[in-house]
Amino acid sequence: MSSPDFAWLIEHGEEIDREYPGKWIAVHEGKIVGVGETASEAAERARETDPQGEFILEAVDRNGDVIYGGV
């Protein structure tokens, strides 16, 4: 887990809220590397790009609240 990625999530929170409401996203090195309806789906998409890569997962609430998790 990377604290720069957490900082990126906070910095881009409003944009993320607008673009991905109700979705899960996977973030690595300041980029969204996976999106899905579930955490597992977002992680699977991220692993398609980089099977050994580390990333963090974020659940984007439909109402704009953000929930953070890590992998």
Protein backbone atom coordinates (compact mmCIF):
# COMPACT_ATOMS: atom_id res chain seq x y z
CA MET A 1 0.00 0.00 0.00
CA SER A 2 1.32 3.39 -0.93
CA SER A 3 0.62 6.57 0.98
CA PRO A 4 1.19 8.62 -2.21
CA ASP A 5 -1.79 6.74 -3.67
CA PHE A 6 -3.91 7.68 -0.64
CA ALA A 7 -2.84 11.30 -1.12
CA TRP A 8 -3.78 11.05 -4.81
CA LEU A 9 -7.22 9.69 -3.88
CA ILE A 10 -7.83 12.58 -1.51
CA GLU A 11 -6.60 15.13 -4.03
CA HIS A 12 -8.83 13.72 -6.79
CA GLY A 13 -11.81 12.81 -4.60
CA GLU A 14 -14.35 15.08 -6.26
CA GLU A 15 -13.40 13.90 -9.74
CA ILE A 16 -13.55 10.26 -8.62
CA ASP A 17 -16.97 10.83 -7.02
CA ARG A 18 -18.31 12.25 -10.29
CA GLU A 19 -16.83 9.61 -12.59
CA TYR A 20 -17.25 6.42 -10.54
CA PRO A 21 -20.30 6.65 -8.24
CA GLY A 22 -21.24 3.24 -6.84
CA LYS A 23 -18.10 1.59 -8.25
CA TRP A 24 -14.91 0.17 -6.80
CA ILE A 25 -11.61 1.43 -8.19
CA ALA A 26 -8.05 0.13 -7.90
CA VAL A 27 -5.28 2.75 -7.81
CA HIS A 28 -1.54 2.31 -8.38
CA GLU A 29 1.01 5.11 -8.67
CA GLY A 30 -1.64 7.78 -9.07
CA LYS A 31 -3.56 5.99 -11.81
CA ILE A 32 -6.83 4.11 -11.82
CA VAL A 33 -5.82 0.63 -12.94
CA GLY A 34 -9.12 -1.19 -12.40
CA VAL A 35 -12.83 -0.42 -12.09
CA GLY A 36 -15.66 -2.75 -11.15
CA GLU A 37 -19.00 -3.25 -9.48
CA THR A 38 -17.23 -5.08 -6.63
CA ALA A 39 -13.81 -4.92 -5.00
CA SER A 40 -12.99 -8.31 -6.49
CA GLU A 41 -13.87 -7.13 -9.98
CA ALA A 42 -11.76 -3.97 -9.68
CA ALA A 43 -8.84 -6.03 -8.33
CA GLU A 44 -9.19 -8.52 -11.18
CA ARG A 45 -9.03 -5.70 -13.73
CA ALA A 46 -5.94 -4.27 -12.02
CA ARG A 47 -4.24 -7.67 -12.05
CA GLU A 48 -4.92 -8.03 -15.78
CA THR A 49 -2.62 -5.04 -16.27
CA ASP A 50 0.02 -6.02 -13.70
CA PRO A 51 -0.41 -9.46 -12.11
CA GLN A 52 2.18 -8.81 -9.38
CA GLY A 53 1.44 -5.11 -8.87
CA GLU A 54 0.27 -3.62 -5.61
CA PHE A 55 -2.69 -1.31 -5.55
CA ILE A 56 -5.25 0.13 -3.18
CA LEU A 57 -8.99 -0.25 -3.53
CA GLU A 58 -11.59 2.44 -3.01
CA ALA A 59 -15.34 2.09 -2.85
CA VAL A 60 -16.97 5.21 -4.22
CA ASP A 61 -20.31 5.80 -2.57
CA ARG A 62 -23.20 6.80 -4.80
CA ASN A 63 -23.69 9.89 -2.59
CA GLY A 64 -20.08 11.04 -2.74
CA ASP A 65 -18.77 9.53 0.50
CA VAL A 66 -15.49 7.69 0.07
CA ILE A 67 -14.53 4.40 1.73
CA TYR A 68 -10.89 3.32 1.56
CA GLY A 69 -9.41 -0.18 1.62
CA GLY A 70 -6.11 -1.74 0.69
CA VAL A 71 -4.72 -4.83 -0.99
